[in-house]
Amino acid sequence: MPPGALPDDVSCGHVPPGRLVLLGDNPGVSFDSRHLGCLPCERVLGTVVRRLSC
C-alpha cells in the first residue's frame, strides 16, 4: 500500500479488535480512516446494499 493509505494506529497491517478501517473511494477528498484512524464498530450505522447513483 502507498504511504498514508492506512491510519497510524494500524501497525504491521493489523486492525485492532473491535475497530474498522473505513476508506472512501476518492482519497483526495474523502474524510475517512486516513484522517480519523480506526473507528469503533459501534459507530457503524448500517451497511451499503446498493448504490443509488452510477
PDB file of N, CA and C in Angstrom:
ATOM      1  N   MET A   1       0.839  -1.171   0.000  1.00  0.00           N
ATOM      2  CA  MET A   1       0.000   0.000   0.000  1.00  0.00           C
ATOM      3  C   MET A   1       0.887   1.238   0.000  1.00  0.00           C
ATOM      4  N   PRO A   2       0.411   2.292  -0.632  1.00  0.00           N
ATOM      5  CA  PRO A   2       1.198   3.527  -0.647  1.00  0.00           C
ATOM      6  C   PRO A   2       1.264   4.164   0.735  1.00  0.00           C
ATOM      7  N   PRO A   3       2.301   4.966   0.982  1.00  0.00           N
ATOM      8  CA  PRO A   3       2.402   5.646   2.280  1.00  0.00           C
ATOM      9  C   PRO A   3       1.152   6.476   2.545  1.00  0.00           C
ATOM     10  N   GLY A   4       0.670   6.445   3.787  1.00  0.00           N
ATOM     11  CA  GLY A   4      -0.501   7.212   4.169  1.00  0.00           C
ATOM     12  C   GLY A   4      -1.817   6.542   3.837  1.00  0.00           C
ATOM     13  N   ALA A   5      -1.771   5.329   3.262  1.00  0.00           N
ATOM     14  CA  ALA A   5      -3.001   4.643   2.877  1.00  0.00           C
ATOM     15  C   ALA A   5      -3.734   4.073   4.085  1.00  0.00           C
ATOM     16  N   LEU A   6      -3.011   3.779   5.145  1.00  0.00           N
ATOM     17  CA  LEU A   6      -3.626   3.244   6.361  1.00  0.00           C
ATOM     18  C   LEU A   6      -3.388   4.195   7.520  1.00  0.00           C
ATOM     19  N   PRO A   7      -4.301   4.221   8.468  1.00  0.00           N
ATOM     20  CA  PRO A   7      -4.116   5.098   9.629  1.00  0.00           C
ATOM     21  C   PRO A   7      -2.910   4.688  10.465  1.00  0.00           C
ATOM     22  N   ASP A   8      -2.384   5.622  11.241  1.00  0.00           N
ATOM     23  CA  ASP A   8      -1.197   5.376  12.062  1.00  0.00           C
ATOM     24  C   ASP A   8      -1.408   4.280  13.105  1.00  0.00           C
ATOM     25  N   ASP A   9      -2.648   4.092  13.584  1.00  0.00           N
ATOM     26  CA  ASP A   9      -2.867   3.089  14.625  1.00  0.00           C
ATOM     27  C   ASP A   9      -3.002   1.670  14.084  1.00  0.00           C
ATOM     28  N   VAL A  10      -2.769   1.494  12.774  1.00  0.00           N
ATOM     29  CA  VAL A  10      -2.738   0.149  12.179  1.00  0.00           C
ATOM     30  C   VAL A  10      -1.267  -0.228  12.038  1.00  0.00           C
ATOM     31  N   SER A  11      -0.795  -1.062  12.941  1.00  0.00           N
ATOM     32  CA  SER A  11       0.605  -1.459  12.908  1.00  0.00           C
ATOM     33  C   SER A  11       0.743  -2.824  12.241  1.00  0.00           C
ATOM     34  N   CYS A  12       1.717  -2.958  11.380  1.00  0.00           N
ATOM     35  CA  CYS A  12       2.001  -4.224  10.693  1.00  0.00           C
ATOM     36  C   CYS A  12       0.789  -4.736   9.911  1.00  0.00           C
ATOM     37  N   GLY A  13      -0.091  -3.839   9.488  1.00  0.00           N
ATOM     38  CA  GLY A  13      -1.241  -4.244   8.698  1.00  0.00           C
ATOM     39  C   GLY A  13      -2.367  -4.874   9.481  1.00  0.00           C
ATOM     40  N   HIS A  14      -2.339  -4.806  10.814  1.00  0.00           N
ATOM     41  CA  HIS A  14      -3.388  -5.393  11.652  1.00  0.00           C
ATOM     42  C   HIS A  14      -4.282  -4.304  12.226  1.00  0.00           C
ATOM     43  N   VAL A  15      -5.574  -4.514  12.110  1.00  0.00           N
ATOM     44  CA  VAL A  15      -6.552  -3.596  12.689  1.00  0.00           C
ATOM     45  C   VAL A  15      -6.877  -4.106  14.095  1.00  0.00           C
ATOM     46  N   PRO A  16      -6.862  -3.222  15.095  1.00  0.00           N
ATOM     47  CA  PRO A  16      -7.153  -3.657  16.457  1.00  0.00           C
ATOM     48  C   PRO A  16      -8.548  -4.293  16.562  1.00  0.00           C
ATOM     49  N   PRO A  17      -8.724  -5.248  17.459  1.00  0.00           N
ATOM     50  CA  PRO A  17     -10.038  -5.875  17.657  1.00  0.00           C
ATOM     51  C   PRO A  17     -11.112  -4.830  17.981  1.00  0.00           C
ATOM     52  N   GLY A  18     -12.300  -5.017  17.418  1.00  0.00           N
ATOM     53  CA  GLY A  18     -13.406  -4.115  17.683  1.00  0.00           C
ATOM     54  C   GLY A  18     -13.340  -2.791  16.939  1.00  0.00           C
ATOM     55  N   ARG A  19     -12.388  -2.665  16.006  1.00  0.00           N
ATOM     56  CA  ARG A  19     -12.201  -1.424  15.239  1.00  0.00           C
ATOM     57  C   ARG A  19     -12.275  -1.743  13.750  1.00  0.00           C
ATOM     58  N   LEU A  20     -12.556  -0.725  12.940  1.00  0.00           N
ATOM     59  CA  LEU A  20     -12.641  -0.867  11.490  1.00  0.00           C
ATOM     60  C   LEU A  20     -11.816   0.217  10.809  1.00  0.00           C
ATOM     61  N   VAL A  21     -11.297  -0.096   9.631  1.00  0.00           N
ATOM     62  CA  VAL A  21     -10.670   0.899   8.770  1.00  0.00           C
ATOM     63  C   VAL A  21     -11.671   1.200   7.669  1.00  0.00           C
ATOM     64  N   LEU A  22     -12.089   2.445   7.574  1.00  0.00           N
ATOM     65  CA  LEU A  22     -13.052   2.872   6.571  1.00  0.00           C
ATOM     66  C   LEU A  22     -12.354   3.809   5.600  1.00  0.00           C
ATOM     67  N   LEU A  23     -12.377   3.443   4.314  1.00  0.00           N
ATOM     68  CA  LEU A  23     -11.707   4.239   3.287  1.00  0.00           C
ATOM     69  C   LEU A  23     -12.710   4.659   2.230  1.00  0.00           C
ATOM     70  N   GLY A  24     -12.694   5.944   1.900  1.00  0.00           N
ATOM     71  CA  GLY A  24     -13.553   6.457   0.842  1.00  0.00           C
ATOM     72  C   GLY A  24     -12.978   6.139  -0.526  1.00  0.00           C
ATOM     73  N   ASP A  25     -13.771   6.338  -1.568  1.00  0.00           N
ATOM     74  CA  ASP A  25     -13.337   5.989  -2.917  1.00  0.00           C
ATOM     75  C   ASP A  25     -12.558   7.111  -3.599  1.00  0.00           C
ATOM     76  N   ASN A  26     -12.457   8.281  -2.984  1.00  0.00           N
ATOM     77  CA  ASN A  26     -11.720   9.394  -3.564  1.00  0.00           C
ATOM     78  C   ASN A  26     -10.759   9.938  -2.511  1.00  0.00           C
ATOM     79  N   PRO A  27      -9.525   9.408  -2.471  1.00  0.00           N
ATOM     80  CA  PRO A  27      -8.582   9.765  -1.398  1.00  0.00           C
ATOM     81  C   PRO A  27      -8.310  11.260  -1.266  1.00  0.00           C
ATOM     82  N   GLY A  28      -8.434  11.993  -2.361  1.00  0.00           N
ATOM     83  CA  GLY A  28      -8.146  13.421  -2.304  1.00  0.00           C
ATOM     84  C   GLY A  28      -9.144  14.216  -1.483  1.00  0.00           C
ATOM     85  N   VAL A  29     -10.378  13.737  -1.385  1.00  0.00           N
ATOM     86  CA  VAL A  29     -11.408  14.493  -0.674  1.00  0.00           C
ATOM     87  C   VAL A  29     -12.152  13.676   0.383  1.00  0.00           C
ATOM     88  N   SER A  30     -11.889  12.372   0.469  1.00  0.00           N
ATOM     89  CA  SER A  30     -12.588  11.534   1.451  1.00  0.00           C
ATOM     90  C   SER A  30     -12.063  11.809   2.857  1.00  0.00           C
ATOM     91  N   PHE A  31     -12.981  12.011   3.793  1.00  0.00           N
ATOM     92  CA  PHE A  31     -12.627  12.170   5.205  1.00  0.00           C
ATOM     93  C   PHE A  31     -12.899  10.826   5.858  1.00  0.00           C
ATOM     94  N   ASP A  32     -11.856  10.028   6.019  1.00  0.00           N
ATOM     95  CA  ASP A  32     -12.020   8.633   6.410  1.00  0.00           C
ATOM     96  C   ASP A  32     -10.941   8.223   7.395  1.00  0.00           C
ATOM     97  N   SER A  33     -10.654   6.939   7.483  1.00  0.00           N
ATOM     98  CA  SER A  33      -9.678   6.436   8.463  1.00  0.00           C
ATOM     99  C   SER A  33      -8.272   6.974   8.245  1.00  0.00           C
ATOM    100  N   ARG A  34      -7.973   7.472   7.056  1.00  0.00           N
ATOM    101  CA  ARG A  34      -6.657   8.091   6.850  1.00  0.00           C
ATOM    102  C   ARG A  34      -6.508   9.326   7.718  1.00  0.00           C
ATOM    103  N   HIS A  35      -7.635   9.971   8.061  1.00  0.00           N
ATOM    104  CA  HIS A  35      -7.627  11.156   8.917  1.00  0.00           C
ATOM    105  C   HIS A  35      -8.068  10.846  10.349  1.00  0.00           C
ATOM    106  N   LEU A  36      -9.032   9.934  10.475  1.00  0.00           N
ATOM    107  CA  LEU A  36      -9.641   9.668  11.777  1.00  0.00           C
ATOM    108  C   LEU A  36      -9.028   8.488  12.521  1.00  0.00           C
ATOM    109  N   GLY A  37      -8.266   7.653  11.829  1.00  0.00           N
ATOM    110  CA  GLY A  37      -7.749   6.431  12.435  1.00  0.00           C
ATOM    111  C   GLY A  37      -8.809   5.340  12.412  1.00  0.00           C
ATOM    112  N   CYS A  38      -8.571   4.274  13.117  1.00  0.00           N
ATOM    113  CA  CYS A  38      -9.528   3.164  13.170  1.00  0.00           C
ATOM    114  C   CYS A  38     -10.749   3.593  13.969  1.00  0.00           C
ATOM    115  N   LEU A  39     -11.913   3.241  13.461  1.00  0.00           N
ATOM    116  CA  LEU A  39     -13.166   3.622  14.114  1.00  0.00           C
ATOM    117  C   LEU A  39     -13.776   2.430  14.841  1.00  0.00           C
ATOM    118  N   PRO A  40     -14.431   2.680  15.973  1.00  0.00           N
ATOM    119  CA  PRO A  40     -15.054   1.577  16.711  1.00  0.00           C
ATOM    120  C   PRO A  40     -16.234   0.997  15.923  1.00  0.00           C
ATOM    121  N   CYS A  41     -16.409  -0.315  15.992  1.00  0.00           N
ATOM    122  CA  CYS A  41     -17.504  -0.998  15.291  1.00  0.00           C
ATOM    123  C   CYS A  41     -18.860  -0.424  15.685  1.00  0.00           C
ATOM    124  N   GLU A  42     -18.994   0.034  16.914  1.00  0.00           N
ATOM    125  CA  GLU A  42     -20.269   0.565  17.392  1.00  0.00           C
ATOM    126  C   GLU A  42     -20.711   1.802  16.628  1.00  0.00           C
ATOM    127  N   ARG A  43     -19.776   2.485  15.946  1.00  0.00           N
ATOM    128  CA  ARG A  43     -20.109   3.708  15.211  1.00  0.00           C
ATOM    129  C   ARG A  43     -20.724   3.424  13.846  1.00  0.00           C
ATOM    130  N   VAL A  44     -20.679   2.187  13.390  1.00  0.00           N
ATOM    131  CA  VAL A  44     -21.246   1.834  12.089  1.00  0.00           C
ATOM    132  C   VAL A  44     -22.763   1.796  12.225  1.00  0.00           C
ATOM    133  N   LEU A  45     -23.441   2.561  11.385  1.00  0.00           N
ATOM    134  CA  LEU A  45     -24.898   2.665  11.464  1.00  0.00           C
ATOM    135  C   LEU A  45     -25.609   1.687  10.547  1.00  0.00           C
ATOM    136  N   GLY A  46     -24.969   1.231   9.506  1.00  0.00           N
ATOM    137  CA  GLY A  46     -25.623   0.325   8.559  1.00  0.00           C
ATOM    138  C   GLY A  46     -24.638  -0.186   7.534  1.00  0.00           C
ATOM    139  N   THR A  47     -25.161  -0.878   6.565  1.00  0.00           N
ATOM    140  CA  THR A  47     -24.349  -1.477   5.501  1.00  0.00           C
ATOM    141  C   THR A  47     -24.920  -1.054   4.152  1.00  0.00           C
ATOM    142  N   VAL A  48     -24.051  -0.691   3.227  1.00  0.00           N
ATOM    143  CA  VAL A  48     -24.498  -0.345   1.873  1.00  0.00           C
ATOM    144  C   VAL A  48     -24.901  -1.620   1.162  1.00  0.00           C
ATOM    145  N   VAL A  49     -26.109  -1.627   0.644  1.00  0.00           N
ATOM    146  CA  VAL A  49     -26.615  -2.794  -0.081  1.00  0.00           C
ATOM    147  C   VAL A  49     -26.557  -2.521  -1.581  1.00  0.00           C
ATOM    148  N   ARG A  50     -26.863  -1.266  -1.968  1.00  0.00           N
ATOM    149  CA  ARG A  50     -26.879  -0.900  -3.378  1.00  0.00           C
ATOM    150  C   ARG A  50     -26.614   0.576  -3.498  1.00  0.00           C
ATOM    151  N   ARG A  51     -25.784   0.955  -4.460  1.00  0.00           N
ATOM    152  CA  ARG A  51     -25.544   2.371  -4.733  1.00  0.00           C
ATOM    153  C   ARG A  51     -26.770   2.989  -5.371  1.00  0.00           C
ATOM    154  N   LEU A  52     -27.035   4.247  -5.058  1.00  0.00           N
ATOM    155  CA  LEU A  52     -28.196   4.936  -5.623  1.00  0.00           C
ATOM    156  C   LEU A  52     -27.890   5.636  -6.932  1.00  0.00           C
ATOM    157  N   SER A  53     -26.609   5.872  -7.236  1.00  0.00           N
ATOM    158  CA  SER A  53     -26.246   6.530  -8.488  1.00  0.00           C
ATOM    159  C   SER A  53     -25.158   5.737  -9.188  1.00  0.00           C
ATOM    160  N   CYS A  54     -24.975   6.011 -10.448  1.00  0.00           N
ATOM    161  CA  CYS A  54     -23.966   5.285 -11.255  1.00  0.00           C
ATOM    162  C   CYS A  54     -22.656   6.006 -11.257  1.00  0.00           C
TER     163      CYS A  54
END
